[in-house]
């Protein structure tokens, strides 16, 4: 047998083996994967502390009608140092708005994602100061990942529109005005006054740092830039098209859009943003990307190599499981 014949048979054998392995994986995924996500929630996570009555009260549910104009969800894992400046900035902005619009109501839900430091104590001090109608702490018994923390916070909120914002305060909170302006243009209404109309509409407005990319490239190492471009390529190839920055932690949803997107969300770790936007695009929910200010804050929980590898694997899983029908989307 000649060398070329031998190589041909090796190639054919490898191709058949690879195809058979892929088919086997697909069959196993279809057999053992639940098509819709299940929400793991401990009984202790269903209530929040009311310092005024010194009792525990049940959180609201996303299926219920909204009673405040805006919910701000802040996922926090060991954020005792970075959380106070972020909350101070957010509360100052929102309190000023309530002074200008007395009928305007907001809430902030800090979701402590199994924190091992004083994050919960820090959040509870704000609850005592401002009251549980304006700020609540959802303490998760065990760590769920950022996506899981955001999801549980949103499932517990009361807002007509829902913003999730990172605890590090990297985004300027007053840029919420930019997101709301874009939301109002999409919905042809005023989201700060028309509570029911906003809630029942479908729209997602996301903050973006894409306009800062040139400046960021100069500051990062070559290796981190290669990782970043590799991640952007995988996002484009496997999942989301037309969005320049999927990972900015400053995203605004109408209540109905949140029901649809988070009701189908499977990924609990760093790539959850990508799945959210993938779901929104597949369900034809309008998405607008708005440039926001952003500052690098020390203390990031993202480890450049491991987190990016995990996100890359998650992207492939998202693509494969939706493509073969192992994961499904549902409209609320």
C-alpha atoms as a PDB file:
ATOM      1  CA  UNK A   1       0.000   0.000   0.000  1.00  0.00           C
ATOM      2  CA  UNK A   2       1.424   3.388  -1.001  1.00  0.00           C
ATOM      3  CA  UNK A   3       1.955   6.329   1.324  1.00  0.00           C
ATOM      4  CA  UNK A   4      -0.892   8.326  -0.250  1.00  0.00           C
ATOM      5  CA  UNK A   5      -3.323   5.424   0.065  1.00  0.00           C
ATOM      6  CA  UNK A   6      -2.349   5.007   3.699  1.00  0.00           C
ATOM      7  CA  UNK A   7      -2.878   8.708   4.387  1.00  0.00           C
ATOM      8  CA  UNK A   8      -6.242   8.574   2.601  1.00  0.00           C
ATOM      9  CA  UNK A   9      -7.498   5.741   4.804  1.00  0.00           C
ATOM     10  CA  UNK A  10      -6.218   7.519   7.928  1.00  0.00           C
ATOM     11  CA  UNK A  11      -8.066  10.669   6.891  1.00  0.00           C
ATOM     12  CA  UNK A  12     -11.297   8.795   6.137  1.00  0.00           C
ATOM     13  CA  UNK A  13     -11.093   6.894   9.423  1.00  0.00           C
ATOM     14  CA  UNK A  14     -10.487  10.117  11.362  1.00  0.00           C
ATOM     15  CA  UNK A  15     -13.384  11.850   9.608  1.00  0.00           C
ATOM     16  CA  UNK A  16     -15.791   8.974  10.282  1.00  0.00           C
ATOM     17  CA  UNK A  17     -14.680   8.763  13.928  1.00  0.00           C
ATOM     18  CA  UNK A  18     -15.125  12.513  14.389  1.00  0.00           C
ATOM     19  CA  UNK A  19     -18.563  12.470  12.780  1.00  0.00           C
ATOM     20  CA  UNK A  20     -19.656   9.495  14.854  1.00  0.00           C
ATOM     21  CA  UNK A  21     -18.427  11.173  18.035  1.00  0.00           C
ATOM     22  CA  UNK A  22     -20.297  14.363  17.149  1.00  0.00           C
ATOM     23  CA  UNK A  23     -23.515  12.458  16.459  1.00  0.00           C
ATOM     24  CA  UNK A  24     -23.127  10.619  19.773  1.00  0.00           C
ATOM     25  CA  UNK A  25     -22.646  13.926  21.624  1.00  0.00           C
ATOM     26  CA  UNK A  26     -25.731  15.402  19.945  1.00  0.00           C
ATOM     27  CA  UNK A  27     -27.841  12.358  20.881  1.00  0.00           C
ATOM     28  CA  UNK A  28     -26.675  12.528  24.497  1.00  0.00           C
ATOM     29  CA  UNK A  29     -27.363  16.279  24.679  1.00  0.00           C
ATOM     30  CA  UNK A  30     -30.864  15.830  23.274  1.00  0.00           C
ATOM     31  CA  UNK A  31     -31.589  13.011  25.710  1.00  0.00           C
ATOM     32  CA  UNK A  32     -30.245  14.535  28.926  1.00  0.00           C
ATOM     33  CA  UNK A  33     -30.502  18.325  28.470  1.00  0.00           C
ATOM     34  CA  UNK A  34     -33.550  20.138  29.822  1.00  0.00           C
ATOM     35  CA  UNK A  35     -34.917  22.413  27.063  1.00  0.00           C
ATOM     36  CA  UNK A  36     -35.895  25.193  29.477  1.00  0.00           C
ATOM     37  CA  UNK A  37     -33.845  26.421  32.437  1.00  0.00           C
ATOM     38  CA  UNK A  38     -34.815  25.587  35.992  1.00  0.00           C
ATOM     39  CA  UNK A  39     -34.389  28.221  38.689  1.00  0.00           C
ATOM     40  CA  UNK A  40     -32.595  27.018  41.797  1.00  0.00           C
ATOM     41  CA  UNK A  41     -33.726  29.124  44.730  1.00  0.00           C
ATOM     42  CA  UNK A  42     -33.475  28.419  48.445  1.00  0.00           C
ATOM     43  CA  UNK A  43     -36.322  29.385  50.765  1.00  0.00           C
ATOM     44  CA  UNK A  44     -34.100  31.937  52.521  1.00  0.00           C
ATOM     45  CA  UNK A  45     -33.574  33.707  49.185  1.00  0.00           C
ATOM     46  CA  UNK A  46     -37.279  34.411  48.731  1.00  0.00           C
ATOM     47  CA  UNK A  47     -37.355  37.159  51.374  1.00  0.00           C
ATOM     48  CA  UNK A  48     -35.569  40.396  52.241  1.00  0.00           C
ATOM     49  CA  UNK A  49     -34.990  42.284  55.470  1.00  0.00           C
ATOM     50  CA  UNK A  50     -37.289  45.150  56.438  1.00  0.00           C
ATOM     51  CA  UNK A  51     -35.430  47.101  59.147  1.00  0.00           C
ATOM     52  CA  UNK A  52     -38.469  49.221  59.977  1.00  0.00           C
ATOM     53  CA  UNK A  53     -40.662  46.275  61.023  1.00  0.00           C
ATOM     54  CA  UNK A  54     -37.668  44.088  61.913  1.00  0.00           C
ATOM     55  CA  UNK A  55     -39.150  41.267  59.856  1.00  0.00           C
ATOM     56  CA  UNK A  56     -38.585  39.375  56.611  1.00  0.00           C
ATOM     57  CA  UNK A  57     -40.824  40.126  53.625  1.00  0.00           C
ATOM     58  CA  UNK A  58     -41.287  38.243  50.378  1.00  0.00           C
ATOM     59  CA  UNK A  59     -39.734  39.535  47.199  1.00  0.00           C
ATOM     60  CA  UNK A  60     -41.941  40.558  44.303  1.00  0.00           C
ATOM     61  CA  UNK A  61     -42.141  38.316  41.216  1.00  0.00           C
ATOM     62  CA  UNK A  62     -41.371  39.212  37.624  1.00  0.00           C
ATOM     63  CA  UNK A  63     -44.718  37.791  36.481  1.00  0.00           C
ATOM     64  CA  UNK A  64     -46.548  40.453  38.508  1.00  0.00           C
ATOM     65  CA  UNK A  65     -47.404  43.913  37.170  1.00  0.00           C
ATOM     66  CA  UNK A  66     -44.845  46.658  37.856  1.00  0.00           C
ATOM     67  CA  UNK A  67     -45.273  49.081  40.754  1.00  0.00           C
ATOM     68  CA  UNK A  68     -42.121  51.174  40.350  1.00  0.00           C
ATOM     69  CA  UNK A  69     -40.695  52.839  37.251  1.00  0.00           C
ATOM     70  CA  UNK A  70     -37.157  51.471  37.488  1.00  0.00           C
ATOM     71  CA  UNK A  71     -35.456  48.497  39.119  1.00  0.00           C
ATOM     72  CA  UNK A  72     -31.662  48.511  39.323  1.00  0.00           C
ATOM     73  CA  UNK A  73     -30.114  45.062  39.783  1.00  0.00           C
ATOM     74  CA  UNK A  74     -26.565  45.053  41.173  1.00  0.00           C
ATOM     75  CA  UNK A  75     -24.816  41.645  41.217  1.00  0.00           C
ATOM     76  CA  UNK A  76     -22.113  41.679  43.886  1.00  0.00           C
ATOM     77  CA  UNK A  77     -19.560  39.051  44.832  1.00  0.00           C
ATOM     78  CA  UNK A  78     -17.160  40.163  47.585  1.00  0.00           C
ATOM     79  CA  UNK A  79     -17.750  43.845  46.764  1.00  0.00           C
ATOM     80  CA  UNK A  80     -17.581  45.441  50.229  1.00  0.00           C
ATOM     81  CA  UNK A  81     -15.099  48.065  48.985  1.00  0.00           C
ATOM     82  CA  UNK A  82     -16.369  48.861  45.492  1.00  0.00           C
ATOM     83  CA  UNK A  83     -20.102  48.718  46.270  1.00  0.00           C
ATOM     84  CA  UNK A  84     -20.506  51.908  48.395  1.00  0.00           C
ATOM     85  CA  UNK A  85     -19.239  54.394  45.755  1.00  0.00           C
ATOM     86  CA  UNK A  86     -21.462  52.764  43.131  1.00  0.00           C
ATOM     87  CA  UNK A  87     -24.550  52.886  45.360  1.00  0.00           C
ATOM     88  CA  UNK A  88     -23.825  56.467  46.419  1.00  0.00           C
ATOM     89  CA  UNK A  89     -23.656  57.571  42.782  1.00  0.00           C
ATOM     90  CA  UNK A  90     -26.794  55.668  41.784  1.00  0.00           C
ATOM     91  CA  UNK A  91     -28.859  56.839  44.756  1.00  0.00           C
ATOM     92  CA  UNK A  92     -27.790  60.461  44.315  1.00  0.00           C
ATOM     93  CA  UNK A  93     -28.922  60.357  40.686  1.00  0.00           C
ATOM     94  CA  UNK A  94     -32.226  58.618  41.421  1.00  0.00           C
ATOM     95  CA  UNK A  95     -33.061  60.751  44.457  1.00  0.00           C
ATOM     96  CA  UNK A  96     -32.555  63.871  42.382  1.00  0.00           C
ATOM     97  CA  UNK A  97     -34.994  62.484  39.849  1.00  0.00           C
ATOM     98  CA  UNK A  98     -37.623  61.823  42.528  1.00  0.00           C
ATOM     99  CA  UNK A  99     -37.299  65.423  43.639  1.00  0.00           C
ATOM    100  CA  UNK A 100     -37.903  66.615  40.083  1.00  0.00           C
ATOM    101  CA  UNK A 101     -40.662  64.009  39.478  1.00  0.00           C
ATOM    102  CA  UNK A 102     -42.437  63.297  42.814  1.00  0.00           C
ATOM    103  CA  UNK A 103     -44.449  60.437  41.265  1.00  0.00           C
ATOM    104  CA  UNK A 104     -41.297  58.621  40.118  1.00  0.00           C
ATOM    105  CA  UNK A 105     -40.413  55.446  42.037  1.00  0.00           C
ATOM    106  CA  UNK A 106     -37.322  53.282  41.893  1.00  0.00           C
ATOM    107  CA  UNK A 107     -35.718  50.364  43.684  1.00  0.00           C
ATOM    108  CA  UNK A 108     -32.206  48.963  43.890  1.00  0.00           C
ATOM    109  CA  UNK A 109     -31.692  45.267  44.550  1.00  0.00           C
ATOM    110  CA  UNK A 110     -28.174  44.291  45.600  1.00  0.00           C
ATOM    111  CA  UNK A 111     -27.677  40.578  44.930  1.00  0.00           C
ATOM    112  CA  UNK A 112     -24.881  39.203  47.069  1.00  0.00           C
ATOM    113  CA  UNK A 113     -23.722  36.178  45.110  1.00  0.00           C
ATOM    114  CA  UNK A 114     -22.554  34.014  48.008  1.00  0.00           C
ATOM    115  CA  UNK A 115     -20.142  36.712  49.176  1.00  0.00           C
ATOM    116  CA  UNK A 116     -17.659  35.772  51.886  1.00  0.00           C
ATOM    117  CA  UNK A 117     -16.814  39.332  52.954  1.00  0.00           C
ATOM    118  CA  UNK A 118     -19.018  42.112  54.356  1.00  0.00           C
ATOM    119  CA  UNK A 119     -20.968  42.787  51.151  1.00  0.00           C
ATOM    120  CA  UNK A 120     -24.301  41.907  52.796  1.00  0.00           C
ATOM    121  CA  UNK A 121     -23.603  44.109  55.830  1.00  0.00           C
ATOM    122  CA  UNK A 122     -22.659  47.005  53.571  1.00  0.00           C
ATOM    123  CA  UNK A 123     -25.873  46.617  51.547  1.00  0.00           C
ATOM    124  CA  UNK A 124     -28.019  46.306  54.676  1.00  0.00           C
ATOM    125  CA  UNK A 125     -26.665  49.625  55.982  1.00  0.00           C
ATOM    126  CA  UNK A 126     -28.074  51.286  52.861  1.00  0.00           C
ATOM    127  CA  UNK A 127     -31.366  49.472  53.427  1.00  0.00           C
ATOM    128  CA  UNK A 128     -31.496  50.903  56.964  1.00  0.00           C
ATOM    129  CA  UNK A 129     -30.688  54.399  55.713  1.00  0.00           C
ATOM    130  CA  UNK A 130     -33.067  54.599  52.731  1.00  0.00           C
ATOM    131  CA  UNK A 131     -35.695  51.976  53.553  1.00  0.00           C
ATOM    132  CA  UNK A 132     -36.578  48.697  51.844  1.00  0.00           C
ATOM    133  CA  UNK A 133     -38.957  50.394  49.409  1.00  0.00           C
ATOM    134  CA  UNK A 134     -35.900  51.911  47.714  1.00  0.00           C
ATOM    135  CA  UNK A 135     -33.166  49.376  48.333  1.00  0.00           C
ATOM    136  CA  UNK A 136     -33.216  45.673  49.139  1.00  0.00           C
ATOM    137  CA  UNK A 137     -30.559  43.016  49.599  1.00  0.00           C
ATOM    138  CA  UNK A 138     -30.977  39.560  48.108  1.00  0.00           C
ATOM    139  CA  UNK A 139     -28.471  37.291  49.835  1.00  0.00           C
ATOM    140  CA  UNK A 140     -27.778  34.132  47.853  1.00  0.00           C
ATOM    141  CA  UNK A 141     -26.906  31.104  49.961  1.00  0.00           C
ATOM    142  CA  UNK A 142     -24.346  29.885  47.444  1.00  0.00           C
ATOM    143  CA  UNK A 143     -22.526  31.426  44.516  1.00  0.00           C
ATOM    144  CA  UNK A 144     -24.467  31.208  41.223  1.00  0.00           C
ATOM    145  CA  UNK A 145     -22.202  33.211  38.938  1.00  0.00           C
ATOM    146  CA  UNK A 146     -22.884  36.707  37.671  1.00  0.00           C
ATOM    147  CA  UNK A 147     -25.592  35.577  35.254  1.00  0.00           C
ATOM    148  CA  UNK A 148     -27.352  33.587  37.945  1.00  0.00           C
ATOM    149  CA  UNK A 149     -27.200  36.510  40.372  1.00  0.00           C
ATOM    150  CA  UNK A 150     -28.593  38.963  37.811  1.00  0.00           C
ATOM    151  CA  UNK A 151     -31.366  36.535  36.890  1.00  0.00           C
ATOM    152  CA  UNK A 152     -32.495  36.010  40.498  1.00  0.00           C
ATOM    153  CA  UNK A 153     -32.428  39.753  41.079  1.00  0.00           C
ATOM    154  CA  UNK A 154     -34.565  40.410  38.020  1.00  0.00           C
ATOM    155  CA  UNK A 155     -37.005  37.649  38.993  1.00  0.00           C
ATOM    156  CA  UNK A 156     -37.470  39.542  42.287  1.00  0.00           C
ATOM    157  CA  UNK A 157     -37.913  43.080  40.977  1.00  0.00           C
ATOM    158  CA  UNK A 158     -40.888  45.443  40.677  1.00  0.00           C
ATOM    159  CA  UNK A 159     -39.787  47.752  37.857  1.00  0.00           C
ATOM    160  CA  UNK A 160     -41.422  48.700  34.581  1.00  0.00           C
ATOM    161  CA  UNK A 161     -37.933  49.009  33.143  1.00  0.00           C
ATOM    162  CA  UNK A 162     -35.006  47.051  34.563  1.00  0.00           C
ATOM    163  CA  UNK A 163     -31.342  48.010  34.544  1.00  0.00           C
ATOM    164  CA  UNK A 164     -28.552  45.752  35.635  1.00  0.00           C
ATOM    165  CA  UNK A 165     -25.370  47.564  36.568  1.00  0.00           C
ATOM    166  CA  UNK A 166     -22.028  46.246  37.771  1.00  0.00           C
ATOM    167  CA  UNK A 167     -21.092  46.816  41.403  1.00  0.00           C
ATOM    168  CA  UNK A 168     -17.696  48.266  40.484  1.00  0.00           C
ATOM    169  CA  UNK A 169     -19.232  51.502  39.212  1.00  0.00           C
ATOM    170  CA  UNK A 170     -17.157  51.402  36.025  1.00  0.00           C
ATOM    171  CA  UNK A 171     -20.068  52.922  34.091  1.00  0.00           C
ATOM    172  CA  UNK A 172     -21.283  56.402  35.018  1.00  0.00           C
ATOM    173  CA  UNK A 173     -24.788  55.991  36.371  1.00  0.00           C
ATOM    174  CA  UNK A 174     -26.054  59.242  34.879  1.00  0.00           C
ATOM    175  CA  UNK A 175     -25.555  57.628  31.457  1.00  0.00           C
ATOM    176  CA  UNK A 176     -28.841  55.938  32.270  1.00  0.00           C
ATOM    177  CA  UNK A 177     -30.307  59.096  30.689  1.00  0.00           C
ATOM    178  CA  UNK A 178     -28.785  58.056  27.353  1.00  0.00           C
ATOM    179  CA  UNK A 179     -30.216  54.548  27.585  1.00  0.00           C
ATOM    180  CA  UNK A 180     -33.661  55.844  28.542  1.00  0.00           C
ATOM    181  CA  UNK A 181     -33.649  58.354  25.679  1.00  0.00           C
ATOM    182  CA  UNK A 182     -32.972  55.509  23.244  1.00  0.00           C
ATOM    183  CA  UNK A 183     -35.660  53.403  24.936  1.00  0.00           C
ATOM    184  CA  UNK A 184     -38.199  56.218  24.669  1.00  0.00           C
ATOM    185  CA  UNK A 185     -37.447  56.644  20.968  1.00  0.00           C
ATOM    186  CA  UNK A 186     -37.960  52.917  20.405  1.00  0.00           C
ATOM    187  CA  UNK A 187     -41.226  52.773  22.341  1.00  0.00           C
ATOM    188  CA  UNK A 188     -42.590  56.214  21.384  1.00  0.00           C
ATOM    189  CA  UNK A 189     -43.348  56.928  25.045  1.00  0.00           C
ATOM    190  CA  UNK A 190     -41.748  58.235  28.231  1.00  0.00           C
ATOM    191  CA  UNK A 191     -40.408  55.350  30.313  1.00  0.00           C
ATOM    192  CA  UNK A 192     -40.086  57.524  33.427  1.00  0.00           C
ATOM    193  CA  UNK A 193     -43.817  58.336  33.482  1.00  0.00           C
ATOM    194  CA  UNK A 194     -45.702  55.746  31.386  1.00  0.00           C
ATOM    195  CA  UNK A 195     -45.259  52.711  33.592  1.00  0.00           C
ATOM    196  CA  UNK A 196     -47.660  50.164  32.058  1.00  0.00           C
ATOM    197  CA  UNK A 197     -46.937  51.032  28.419  1.00  0.00           C
ATOM    198  CA  UNK A 198     -43.207  50.698  29.006  1.00  0.00           C
ATOM    199  CA  UNK A 199     -43.590  47.444  30.931  1.00  0.00           C
ATOM    200  CA  UNK A 200     -45.663  45.722  28.237  1.00  0.00           C
ATOM    201  CA  UNK A 201     -43.393  46.728  25.349  1.00  0.00           C
ATOM    202  CA  UNK A 202     -40.378  44.859  24.013  1.00  0.00           C
ATOM    203  CA  UNK A 203     -36.991  46.587  23.896  1.00  0.00           C
ATOM    204  CA  UNK A 204     -33.402  46.202  25.091  1.00  0.00           C
ATOM    205  CA  UNK A 205     -30.916  49.069  25.287  1.00  0.00           C
ATOM    206  CA  UNK A 206     -27.305  48.232  26.107  1.00  0.00           C
ATOM    207  CA  UNK A 207     -24.349  50.354  27.095  1.00  0.00           C
ATOM    208  CA  UNK A 208     -21.307  49.997  24.878  1.00  0.00           C
ATOM    209  CA  UNK A 209     -17.567  50.627  25.297  1.00  0.00           C
ATOM    210  CA  UNK A 210     -16.775  49.951  21.636  1.00  0.00           C
ATOM    211  CA  UNK A 211     -15.954  53.632  21.026  1.00  0.00           C
ATOM    212  CA  UNK A 212     -13.156  53.320  23.626  1.00  0.00           C
ATOM    213  CA  UNK A 213     -11.523  50.330  21.940  1.00  0.00           C
ATOM    214  CA  UNK A 214      -8.555  52.182  20.399  1.00  0.00           C
ATOM    215  CA  UNK A 215      -7.615  53.655  23.762  1.00  0.00           C
ATOM    216  CA  UNK A 216      -7.985  50.256  25.447  1.00  0.00           C
ATOM    217  CA  UNK A 217      -5.790  48.534  22.850  1.00  0.00           C
ATOM    218  CA  UNK A 218      -2.906  50.840  23.697  1.00  0.00           C
ATOM    219  CA  UNK A 219      -3.141  50.024  27.401  1.00  0.00           C
ATOM    220  CA  UNK A 220      -3.549  46.248  27.203  1.00  0.00           C
ATOM    221  CA  UNK A 221      -0.808  43.708  26.567  1.00  0.00           C
ATOM    222  CA  UNK A 222      -0.556  42.025  23.169  1.00  0.00           C
ATOM    223  CA  UNK A 223      -1.718  38.744  24.705  1.00  0.00           C
ATOM    224  CA  UNK A 224      -4.872  40.296  26.201  1.00  0.00           C
ATOM    225  CA  UNK A 225      -5.638  42.019  22.888  1.00  0.00           C
ATOM    226  CA  UNK A 226      -5.362  38.680  21.074  1.00  0.00           C
ATOM    227  CA  UNK A 227      -7.753  37.134  23.629  1.00  0.00           C
ATOM    228  CA  UNK A 228     -10.181  40.023  23.206  1.00  0.00           C
ATOM    229  CA  UNK A 229     -10.234  39.804  19.412  1.00  0.00           C
ATOM    230  CA  UNK A 230     -10.555  36.035  19.621  1.00  0.00           C
ATOM    231  CA  UNK A 231     -13.577  36.385  21.907  1.00  0.00           C
ATOM    232  CA  UNK A 232     -15.195  38.986  19.620  1.00  0.00           C
ATOM    233  CA  UNK A 233     -14.724  36.638  16.662  1.00  0.00           C
ATOM    234  CA  UNK A 234     -16.301  33.714  18.527  1.00  0.00           C
ATOM    235  CA  UNK A 235     -19.260  35.883  19.584  1.00  0.00           C
ATOM    236  CA  UNK A 236     -19.815  36.922  15.974  1.00  0.00           C
ATOM    237  CA  UNK A 237     -19.250  33.422  14.570  1.00  0.00           C
ATOM    238  CA  UNK A 238     -21.392  31.459  17.022  1.00  0.00           C
ATOM    239  CA  UNK A 239     -24.049  33.775  18.384  1.00  0.00           C
ATOM    240  CA  UNK A 240     -24.653  37.530  18.238  1.00  0.00           C
ATOM    241  CA  UNK A 241     -24.396  39.559  15.044  1.00  0.00           C
ATOM    242  CA  UNK A 242     -24.233  43.337  14.821  1.00  0.00           C
ATOM    243  CA  UNK A 243     -23.401  44.104  18.475  1.00  0.00           C
ATOM    244  CA  UNK A 244     -19.955  45.581  19.071  1.00  0.00           C
ATOM    245  CA  UNK A 245     -19.832  45.178  22.859  1.00  0.00           C
ATOM    246  CA  UNK A 246     -21.833  42.356  24.416  1.00  0.00           C
ATOM    247  CA  UNK A 247     -20.109  42.426  27.819  1.00  0.00           C
ATOM    248  CA  UNK A 248     -20.685  45.947  29.158  1.00  0.00           C
ATOM    249  CA  UNK A 249     -22.438  45.628  32.533  1.00  0.00           C
ATOM    250  CA  UNK A 250     -24.997  48.364  31.900  1.00  0.00           C
ATOM    251  CA  UNK A 251     -28.105  46.989  30.177  1.00  0.00           C
ATOM    252  CA  UNK A 252     -31.720  48.212  30.241  1.00  0.00           C
ATOM    253  CA  UNK A 253     -34.746  45.983  29.589  1.00  0.00           C
ATOM    254  CA  UNK A 254     -38.460  46.571  29.525  1.00  0.00           C
ATOM    255  CA  UNK A 255     -40.226  44.229  31.940  1.00  0.00           C
ATOM    256  CA  UNK A 256     -41.717  42.134  29.135  1.00  0.00           C
ATOM    257  CA  UNK A 257     -38.348  41.852  27.372  1.00  0.00           C
ATOM    258  CA  UNK A 258     -36.810  40.704  30.659  1.00  0.00           C
ATOM    259  CA  UNK A 259     -39.503  38.048  31.059  1.00  0.00           C
ATOM    260  CA  UNK A 260     -38.757  36.682  27.589  1.00  0.00           C
ATOM    261  CA  UNK A 261     -34.958  36.850  27.760  1.00  0.00           C
ATOM    262  CA  UNK A 262     -34.348  35.736  31.340  1.00  0.00           C
ATOM    263  CA  UNK A 263     -37.083  33.108  31.138  1.00  0.00           C
ATOM    264  CA  UNK A 264     -34.918  31.257  28.597  1.00  0.00           C
ATOM    265  CA  UNK A 265     -31.474  32.051  30.034  1.00  0.00           C
ATOM    266  CA  UNK A 266     -29.381  28.939  30.734  1.00  0.00           C
ATOM    267  CA  UNK A 267     -25.839  30.300  31.193  1.00  0.00           C
ATOM    268  CA  UNK A 268     -25.019  31.543  34.696  1.00  0.00           C
ATOM    269  CA  UNK A 269     -21.391  32.580  34.258  1.00  0.00           C
ATOM    270  CA  UNK A 270     -19.619  35.327  32.320  1.00  0.00           C
ATOM    271  CA  UNK A 271     -21.082  34.516  28.893  1.00  0.00           C
ATOM    272  CA  UNK A 272     -24.662  35.081  30.073  1.00  0.00           C
ATOM    273  CA  UNK A 273     -24.711  38.531  28.383  1.00  0.00           C
ATOM    274  CA  UNK A 274     -24.114  36.862  25.030  1.00  0.00           C
ATOM    275  CA  UNK A 275     -26.922  34.359  25.506  1.00  0.00           C
ATOM    276  CA  UNK A 276     -29.280  37.165  26.577  1.00  0.00           C
ATOM    277  CA  UNK A 277     -28.610  39.116  23.391  1.00  0.00           C
ATOM    278  CA  UNK A 278     -28.753  35.929  21.300  1.00  0.00           C
ATOM    279  CA  UNK A 279     -32.205  35.194  22.726  1.00  0.00           C
ATOM    280  CA  UNK A 280     -33.349  38.781  22.145  1.00  0.00           C
ATOM    281  CA  UNK A 281     -32.248  38.658  18.503  1.00  0.00           C
ATOM    282  CA  UNK A 282     -33.898  35.293  17.908  1.00  0.00           C
ATOM    283  CA  UNK A 283     -37.152  36.575  19.445  1.00  0.00           C
ATOM    284  CA  UNK A 284     -36.952  39.741  17.306  1.00  0.00           C
ATOM    285  CA  UNK A 285     -36.755  42.030  20.331  1.00  0.00           C
ATOM    286  CA  UNK A 286     -35.327  45.416  19.260  1.00  0.00           C
ATOM    287  CA  UNK A 287     -31.796  46.040  20.584  1.00  0.00           C
ATOM    288  CA  UNK A 288     -30.053  49.415  20.574  1.00  0.00           C
ATOM    289  CA  UNK A 289     -26.390  49.882  21.502  1.00  0.00           C
ATOM    290  CA  UNK A 290     -25.495  53.226  23.107  1.00  0.00           C
ATOM    291  CA  UNK A 291     -21.952  54.521  23.847  1.00  0.00           C
ATOM    292  CA  UNK A 292     -21.364  55.093  27.566  1.00  0.00           C
ATOM    293  CA  UNK A 293     -18.480  56.328  29.664  1.00  0.00           C
ATOM    294  CA  UNK A 294     -16.428  53.635  31.306  1.00  0.00           C
ATOM    295  CA  UNK A 295     -13.487  53.614  33.739  1.00  0.00           C
ATOM    296  CA  UNK A 296     -11.203  50.707  34.592  1.00  0.00           C
ATOM    297  CA  UNK A 297     -11.728  49.901  38.282  1.00  0.00           C
ATOM    298  CA  UNK A 298      -9.279  47.783  40.273  1.00  0.00           C
ATOM    299  CA  UNK A 299     -10.521  44.496  41.702  1.00  0.00           C
ATOM    300  CA  UNK A 300     -11.937  42.801  38.593  1.00  0.00           C
ATOM    301  CA  UNK A 301     -13.115  39.203  39.142  1.00  0.00           C
ATOM    302  CA  UNK A 302     -12.266  38.271  35.519  1.00  0.00           C
ATOM    303  CA  UNK A 303      -9.042  36.297  35.152  1.00  0.00           C
ATOM    304  CA  UNK A 304      -7.825  36.977  31.581  1.00  0.00           C
ATOM    305  CA  UNK A 305      -7.022  33.406  30.532  1.00  0.00           C
ATOM    306  CA  UNK A 306      -9.371  31.133  32.481  1.00  0.00           C
ATOM    307  CA  UNK A 307     -12.442  33.379  32.192  1.00  0.00           C
ATOM    308  CA  UNK A 308     -11.967  33.880  28.451  1.00  0.00           C
ATOM    309  CA  UNK A 309     -11.482  30.147  27.872  1.00  0.00           C
ATOM    310  CA  UNK A 310     -14.657  29.449  29.858  1.00  0.00           C
ATOM    311  CA  UNK A 311     -16.551  32.091  27.874  1.00  0.00           C
ATOM    312  CA  UNK A 312     -15.303  30.618  24.609  1.00  0.00           C
ATOM    313  CA  UNK A 313     -16.534  27.165  25.633  1.00  0.00           C
ATOM    314  CA  UNK A 314     -19.864  28.658  26.716  1.00  0.00           C
ATOM    315  CA  UNK A 315     -20.284  30.317  23.312  1.00  0.00           C
ATOM    316  CA  UNK A 316     -19.818  26.997  21.538  1.00  0.00           C
ATOM    317  CA  UNK A 317     -22.284  25.340  23.934  1.00  0.00           C
ATOM    318  CA  UNK A 318     -24.854  28.103  23.382  1.00  0.00           C
ATOM    319  CA  UNK A 319     -24.583  27.731  19.609  1.00  0.00           C
ATOM    320  CA  UNK A 320     -24.685  23.920  19.603  1.00  0.00           C
ATOM    321  CA  UNK A 321     -27.513  23.411  22.092  1.00  0.00           C
ATOM    322  CA  UNK A 322     -29.803  25.937  20.410  1.00  0.00           C
ATOM    323  CA  UNK A 323     -28.935  24.643  16.934  1.00  0.00           C
ATOM    324  CA  UNK A 324     -29.818  21.035  17.741  1.00  0.00           C
ATOM    325  CA  UNK A 325     -32.868  22.029  19.785  1.00  0.00           C
ATOM    326  CA  UNK A 326     -31.529  20.844  23.150  1.00  0.00           C
ATOM    327  CA  UNK A 327     -32.182  24.366  24.459  1.00  0.00           C
ATOM    328  CA  UNK A 328     -35.372  26.183  23.533  1.00  0.00           C
ATOM    329  CA  UNK A 329     -36.709  29.702  23.938  1.00  0.00           C
ATOM    330  CA  UNK A 330     -40.116  30.631  25.242  1.00  0.00           C
ATOM    331  CA  UNK A 331     -42.101  33.830  25.096  1.00  0.00           C
ATOM    332  CA  UNK A 332     -43.570  34.953  28.406  1.00  0.00           C
END
